[in-house]
N, C-alpha and C. Protein backbone atom coordinates (compact mmCIF):
# COMPACT_ATOMS: atom_id res chain seq x y z
N MET A 1 0.75 -1.07 0.15
CA MET A 1 0.30 0.33 0.06
C MET A 1 0.51 1.22 0.20
N GLU A 2 0.90 1.97 -0.96
CA GLU A 2 0.90 3.33 -1.12
C GLU A 2 0.71 4.63 -0.72
N LYS A 3 0.84 5.99 0.22
CA LYS A 3 0.46 6.55 0.32
C LYS A 3 0.67 8.20 -0.13
N ILE A 4 -0.04 8.83 -1.29
CA ILE A 4 1.60 9.64 -1.40
C ILE A 4 0.79 11.04 -0.58
N THR A 5 1.47 11.50 -0.13
CA THR A 5 2.22 13.02 0.60
C THR A 5 2.42 14.46 -0.02
N ASP A 6 2.99 14.96 0.42
CA ASP A 6 3.06 15.99 -0.19
C ASP A 6 4.89 16.05 -0.07
N TYR A 7 5.70 14.73 1.51
CA TYR A 7 7.33 15.04 0.91
C TYR A 7 6.84 13.79 0.16
N GLY A 8 6.18 13.04 -0.46
CA GLY A 8 6.41 12.34 -1.20
C GLY A 8 5.12 11.43 -1.35
N THR A 9 6.43 9.55 -1.65
CA THR A 9 5.47 8.99 -1.97
C THR A 9 6.28 8.15 0.13
N ILE A 10 5.13 7.29 0.22
CA ILE A 10 5.26 6.65 1.90
C ILE A 10 4.60 5.09 1.27
N LYS A 11 5.68 4.15 1.36
CA LYS A 11 5.62 2.80 1.57
C LYS A 11 3.76 2.44 2.49
N ILE A 12 4.05 1.52 2.91
CA ILE A 12 2.66 0.64 4.06
C ILE A 12 3.37 -0.19 3.98
N SER A 13 3.51 -1.59 4.82
CA SER A 13 3.81 -2.25 4.62
C SER A 13 2.49 -3.51 5.23
N ASP A 14 2.26 -4.23 4.66
CA ASP A 14 1.32 -5.03 4.71
C ASP A 14 1.65 -6.07 6.58
N ASN A 15 2.56 -5.64 6.85
CA ASN A 15 2.84 -6.00 8.71
C ASN A 15 2.33 -5.23 9.31
N VAL A 16 1.65 -3.76 8.38
CA VAL A 16 1.86 -2.68 9.34
C VAL A 16 0.24 -2.72 10.46
N PHE A 17 -0.65 -3.52 8.85
CA PHE A 17 -1.76 -4.38 8.78
C PHE A 17 -2.37 -5.32 9.90
N GLU A 18 -1.77 -6.13 9.96
CA GLU A 18 -1.24 -7.46 10.48
C GLU A 18 -1.77 -6.99 11.84
N LYS A 19 -0.31 -6.33 12.28
CA LYS A 19 -0.68 -5.42 13.82
C LYS A 19 -1.35 -5.49 13.80
N MET A 20 -2.52 -4.27 13.22
CA MET A 20 -3.92 -4.03 14.10
C MET A 20 -4.51 -4.74 13.39
N ILE A 21 -4.47 -5.29 13.36
CA ILE A 21 -5.21 -6.97 13.04
C ILE A 21 -5.48 -7.18 15.18
N LYS A 22 -4.40 -7.24 14.47
CA LYS A 22 -3.93 -8.89 16.08
C LYS A 22 -4.61 -7.86 17.48
N ASP A 23 -3.70 -6.49 17.58
CA ASP A 23 -4.07 -5.94 18.39
C ASP A 23 -5.58 -5.01 18.24
N ALA A 24 -6.91 -4.96 17.50
CA ALA A 24 -7.75 -5.51 17.50
C ALA A 24 -8.14 -6.35 18.04
N LEU A 25 -7.79 -8.02 17.94
CA LEU A 25 -7.83 -9.04 18.46
C LEU A 25 -8.19 -9.58 19.81
N SER A 26 -6.82 -8.58 20.15
CA SER A 26 -6.24 -8.80 21.87
C SER A 26 -7.18 -8.26 23.46
N LYS A 27 -7.79 -6.80 22.36
CA LYS A 27 -9.49 -6.00 22.79
C LYS A 27 -10.48 -6.39 23.21
N THR A 28 -10.87 -8.26 22.68
CA THR A 28 -11.88 -8.53 22.98
C THR A 28 -11.49 -9.85 24.13
N GLU A 29 -9.81 -9.67 25.04
CA GLU A 29 -10.17 -10.89 25.90
C GLU A 29 -9.77 -12.18 25.90
N GLY A 30 -9.10 -12.30 24.60
CA GLY A 30 -9.59 -14.83 24.33
C GLY A 30 -10.35 -14.65 24.49
N ARG A 31 -11.39 -13.77 23.87
CA ARG A 31 -12.65 -14.22 23.11
C ARG A 31 -12.76 -14.51 21.48
N ASP A 32 -11.83 -14.16 20.72
CA ASP A 32 -11.37 -14.25 19.63
C ASP A 32 -9.93 -14.35 19.69
N GLY A 33 -9.66 -15.17 18.31
CA GLY A 33 -8.46 -15.68 17.96
C GLY A 33 -7.93 -15.81 17.02
N LEU A 34 -7.14 -15.69 16.03
CA LEU A 34 -7.00 -16.17 14.53
C LEU A 34 -6.96 -17.17 14.23
N ALA A 35 -7.84 -17.69 13.48
CA ALA A 35 -7.63 -19.44 12.00
C ALA A 35 -6.33 -19.95 12.78
N ILE A 36 -6.12 -20.58 12.60
CA ILE A 36 -4.55 -20.83 12.62
C ILE A 36 -4.15 -21.58 11.31
N GLU A 37 -5.76 -22.77 10.92
CA GLU A 37 -5.41 -23.98 10.19
C GLU A 37 -5.17 -23.11 9.28
N ARG A 38 -5.39 -22.13 8.05
CA ARG A 38 -5.08 -21.44 7.70
C ARG A 38 -4.79 -20.42 7.17
N LYS A 39 -4.09 -19.43 6.44
CA LYS A 39 -4.29 -18.29 5.98
C LYS A 39 -4.84 -17.21 6.66
N SER A 40 -5.11 -16.83 7.63
CA SER A 40 -6.12 -15.81 8.55
C SER A 40 -6.06 -14.65 8.10
N ILE A 41 -4.67 -13.95 7.16
CA ILE A 41 -4.52 -12.58 7.53
C ILE A 41 -4.65 -12.54 6.15
N LEU A 42 -5.89 -11.74 5.29
CA LEU A 42 -5.06 -11.25 3.34
C LEU A 42 -5.13 -9.96 3.00
N ILE A 43 -4.57 -9.76 2.86
CA ILE A 43 -4.46 -7.88 2.51
C ILE A 43 -4.47 -7.58 1.33
N GLU A 44 -5.93 -7.49 0.26
CA GLU A 44 -5.75 -6.67 -0.94
C GLU A 44 -5.71 -5.68 -1.34
N ASP A 45 -4.50 -4.95 -2.37
CA ASP A 45 -4.56 -3.25 -2.75
C ASP A 45 -4.74 -3.37 -4.06
N GLY A 46 -6.25 -2.92 -4.20
CA GLY A 46 -6.93 -2.58 -5.43
C GLY A 46 -7.00 -1.37 -6.21
N PRO A 47 -7.61 -0.74 -6.79
CA PRO A 47 -7.40 0.77 -7.56
C PRO A 47 -8.37 1.27 -6.85
N GLU A 48 -8.82 1.10 -5.98
CA GLU A 48 -9.84 1.86 -5.35
C GLU A 48 -9.67 1.01 -4.14
N GLU A 49 -10.21 0.35 -3.54
CA GLU A 49 -10.19 -0.10 -2.19
C GLU A 49 -8.18 -0.67 -1.46
N LEU A 50 -8.58 -0.52 -0.41
CA LEU A 50 -8.35 -1.43 0.28
C LEU A 50 -8.22 -2.80 1.46
N LYS A 51 -8.68 -4.00 0.41
CA LYS A 51 -9.62 -5.28 1.07
C LYS A 51 -8.61 -5.73 2.73
N LEU A 52 -8.83 -5.46 3.96
CA LEU A 52 -8.12 -6.70 5.15
C LEU A 52 -9.56 -7.65 4.95
N GLU A 53 -8.49 -8.70 4.99
CA GLU A 53 -9.63 -9.80 5.57
C GLU A 53 -9.46 -11.17 6.72
N PHE A 54 -10.08 -11.53 7.78
CA PHE A 54 -9.36 -11.67 8.97
C PHE A 54 -10.27 -12.93 9.25
N HIS A 55 -10.07 -14.01 9.59
CA HIS A 55 -10.58 -14.89 9.59
C HIS A 55 -10.26 -15.44 11.07
N VAL A 56 -11.37 -16.21 12.37
CA VAL A 56 -11.10 -15.50 13.63
C VAL A 56 -11.69 -16.86 13.73
N VAL A 57 -11.26 -17.78 15.47
CA VAL A 57 -12.20 -18.00 16.29
C VAL A 57 -12.25 -17.01 17.19
N HIS A 58 -13.95 -18.13 18.14
CA HIS A 58 -14.29 -17.49 18.59
C HIS A 58 -14.94 -18.30 19.94
N MET A 59 -15.06 -17.89 21.05
CA MET A 59 -15.08 -19.14 21.92
C MET A 59 -17.26 -19.16 22.45
N PHE A 60 -17.34 -20.45 22.52
CA PHE A 60 -18.40 -20.21 22.95
C PHE A 60 -19.14 -19.81 23.94
N GLY A 61 -19.53 -19.58 24.12
CA GLY A 61 -20.61 -19.05 25.24
C GLY A 61 -19.83 -17.73 25.65
N THR A 62 -19.66 -16.89 24.57
CA THR A 62 -19.37 -15.57 24.74
C THR A 62 -20.16 -14.69 23.58
N SER A 63 -20.37 -12.91 23.71
CA SER A 63 -21.29 -12.55 22.81
C SER A 63 -20.39 -12.28 21.76
N LEU A 64 -20.71 -12.34 20.60
CA LEU A 64 -20.66 -12.39 19.14
C LEU A 64 -20.60 -10.96 19.23
N ARG A 65 -21.57 -10.08 19.37
CA ARG A 65 -22.33 -9.30 18.81
C ARG A 65 -20.36 -7.56 20.17
N PHE A 66 -21.00 -8.44 21.31
CA PHE A 66 -19.51 -7.54 21.60
C PHE A 66 -18.52 -7.22 20.72
N SER A 67 -17.59 -9.03 20.54
CA SER A 67 -16.92 -8.93 20.10
C SER A 67 -16.73 -8.67 18.65
N THR A 68 -17.14 -8.31 17.85
CA THR A 68 -17.30 -8.39 16.27
C THR A 68 -16.71 -6.90 16.25
N LYS A 69 -18.15 -5.79 17.22
CA LYS A 69 -18.07 -4.67 17.73
C LYS A 69 -16.43 -3.70 18.28
N THR A 70 -16.07 -4.53 18.82
CA THR A 70 -14.99 -4.21 19.98
C THR A 70 -14.16 -4.54 19.04
N ILE A 71 -13.87 -5.01 17.97
CA ILE A 71 -12.51 -5.49 17.22
C ILE A 71 -13.06 -4.77 15.94
N LEU A 72 -14.51 -4.07 15.13
CA LEU A 72 -14.25 -3.57 13.80
C LEU A 72 -14.13 -1.99 14.27
N ASP A 73 -14.45 -1.71 15.42
CA ASP A 73 -14.58 -0.41 15.91
C ASP A 73 -12.95 -0.07 15.82
N HIS A 74 -12.19 -0.40 16.66
CA HIS A 74 -10.96 -0.71 16.84
C HIS A 74 -10.32 -0.24 15.89
N LEU A 75 -10.85 -1.13 14.97
CA LEU A 75 -9.47 -1.71 13.56
C LEU A 75 -10.04 0.26 12.68
N GLU A 76 -11.03 0.36 12.65
CA GLU A 76 -11.10 1.67 12.13
C GLU A 76 -10.44 2.30 12.53
N ARG A 77 -11.03 3.45 13.67
CA ARG A 77 -9.58 4.48 14.07
C ARG A 77 -8.46 3.78 14.23
N SER A 78 -7.46 2.88 14.00
CA SER A 78 -6.19 2.78 13.86
C SER A 78 -6.31 3.20 12.11
N ILE A 79 -7.53 3.30 11.19
CA ILE A 79 -6.34 2.73 9.72
C ILE A 79 -7.82 4.31 9.83
N ARG A 80 -8.62 5.02 9.84
CA ARG A 80 -9.02 6.38 10.08
C ARG A 80 -7.58 7.04 10.53
N ARG A 81 -6.52 6.68 11.44
CA ARG A 81 -4.96 7.62 11.88
C ARG A 81 -4.30 7.82 10.51
N LEU A 82 -4.23 6.98 10.11
CA LEU A 82 -3.41 6.18 9.06
C LEU A 82 -4.01 7.26 8.00
N GLY A 83 -4.70 7.79 7.55
CA GLY A 83 -5.20 8.82 6.35
C GLY A 83 -4.57 8.53 4.99
N LEU A 84 -5.32 7.11 4.58
CA LEU A 84 -5.21 6.62 3.19
C LEU A 84 -5.37 6.98 1.95
N GLY A 85 -6.59 7.56 2.17
CA GLY A 85 -7.09 8.23 0.78
C GLY A 85 -7.60 7.42 -0.35
N LYS A 86 -8.16 6.36 0.22
CA LYS A 86 -9.16 5.17 -0.16
C LYS A 86 -10.21 4.05 0.60
N ASN A 87 -11.28 3.96 0.70
CA ASN A 87 -11.69 2.89 0.70
C ASN A 87 -11.35 2.08 1.21
N VAL A 88 -12.08 1.27 2.58
CA VAL A 88 -11.16 -0.03 3.61
C VAL A 88 -11.83 -0.35 3.32
N ARG A 89 -12.46 -1.08 3.06
CA ARG A 89 -13.17 -3.13 3.06
C ARG A 89 -12.22 -3.75 4.40
N ILE A 90 -12.94 -3.55 5.55
CA ILE A 90 -12.77 -4.65 6.70
C ILE A 90 -13.66 -5.68 6.74
N VAL A 91 -12.89 -7.41 6.27
CA VAL A 91 -13.93 -7.82 5.99
C VAL A 91 -13.26 -9.50 7.69
N MET A 92 -14.76 -9.78 8.49
CA MET A 92 -14.01 -10.02 9.21
C MET A 92 -14.96 -11.29 9.58
N LYS A 93 -14.45 -12.86 9.34
CA LYS A 93 -14.80 -14.00 9.14
C LYS A 93 -15.09 -15.07 10.69
N VAL A 94 -16.18 -15.74 10.85
CA VAL A 94 -15.90 -16.34 11.68
C VAL A 94 -15.93 -17.61 11.21
N VAL A 95 -14.67 -18.25 11.52
CA VAL A 95 -14.64 -19.68 10.77
C VAL A 95 -15.23 -20.36 11.61
N ALA A 96 -15.06 -20.67 12.69
CA ALA A 96 -15.35 -21.63 13.69
C ALA A 96 -15.61 -20.80 14.47
N ILE A 97 -16.62 -21.95 15.99
CA ILE A 97 -16.90 -21.30 17.41
C ILE A 97 -15.76 -22.42 17.74
N LYS A 98 -15.25 -22.23 19.11
CA LYS A 98 -14.19 -23.57 19.52
C LYS A 98 -15.31 -23.73 21.21
N ALA A 99 -15.38 -25.03 21.56
CA ALA A 99 -15.82 -25.54 22.77
C ALA A 99 -14.58 -26.15 23.48
N ARG A 100 -15.61 -27.38 23.32
CA ARG A 100 -14.84 -29.27 23.42
C ARG A 100 -14.19 -29.02 22.11
N ARG A 101 -14.29 -29.45 20.95
CA ARG A 101 -14.91 -29.12 19.37
C ARG A 101 -14.69 -28.25 18.63
N SER A 102 -13.87 -28.44 18.10
CA SER A 102 -14.16 -26.71 17.45
C SER A 102 -15.73 -26.83 15.88
N GLN A 103 -17.37 -26.46 15.96
CA GLN A 103 -17.43 -26.35 15.11
C GLN A 103 -17.74 -25.55 14.11
N LYS A 104 -17.52 -25.88 12.90
CA LYS A 104 -17.62 -24.64 12.12
C LYS A 104 -18.27 -23.92 11.58
N ARG A 105 -18.05 -22.60 11.61
CA ARG A 105 -19.39 -21.84 11.12
C ARG A 105 -18.96 -20.94 9.75
N ASP A 106 -19.61 -20.48 9.30
CA ASP A 106 -19.19 -19.31 7.99
C ASP A 106 -20.24 -18.26 8.19
N LEU A 107 -19.43 -17.04 9.64
CA LEU A 107 -20.54 -15.74 9.31
C LEU A 107 -19.29 -14.46 8.69
N GLU A 108 -20.23 -13.76 8.34
CA GLU A 108 -18.71 -12.55 8.29
C GLU A 108 -19.52 -11.37 8.60
N TYR A 109 -18.10 -10.47 8.73
CA TYR A 109 -18.62 -8.96 9.07
C TYR A 109 -18.13 -8.49 8.08
N SER A 110 -18.98 -7.46 7.68
CA SER A 110 -18.14 -6.32 7.68
C SER A 110 -18.10 -4.97 7.67
N ARG A 111 -17.25 -4.03 7.21
CA ARG A 111 -17.79 -2.74 7.38
C ARG A 111 -16.45 -1.70 6.62
N ILE A 112 -17.01 -1.07 5.91
CA ILE A 112 -15.93 0.28 5.06
C ILE A 112 -15.68 1.67 5.33
N ILE A 113 -14.43 2.07 5.83
CA ILE A 113 -14.37 3.05 5.87
C ILE A 113 -14.23 3.26 4.49
N LYS A 114 -14.38 4.79 4.31
CA LYS A 114 -14.30 6.15 3.50
C LYS A 114 -13.50 7.00 3.92
């Protein structure tokens, strides 16, 4: 991802976005974690928008609404601070609910930051 400023072009590494996602997940106090089974963070930089997609395993018995709101709000605040100048689509996919055994799920929550 590149950002053009008055001082020139600034390249923002994918590691910055991965760190933002991991920081947001830590705000849920262990309710959510990255899915280890597959590539859990995907970053696509298109001409009109940046897409951040990450796969999450949610703990059984905890509020999914609270977790998603906390994560997406934290990411939105972090991304707005960068001032990228293009739309950013955040997609959070809940791929499993962890209890004694993990149960596969296919839930998707997204937010567009303009």
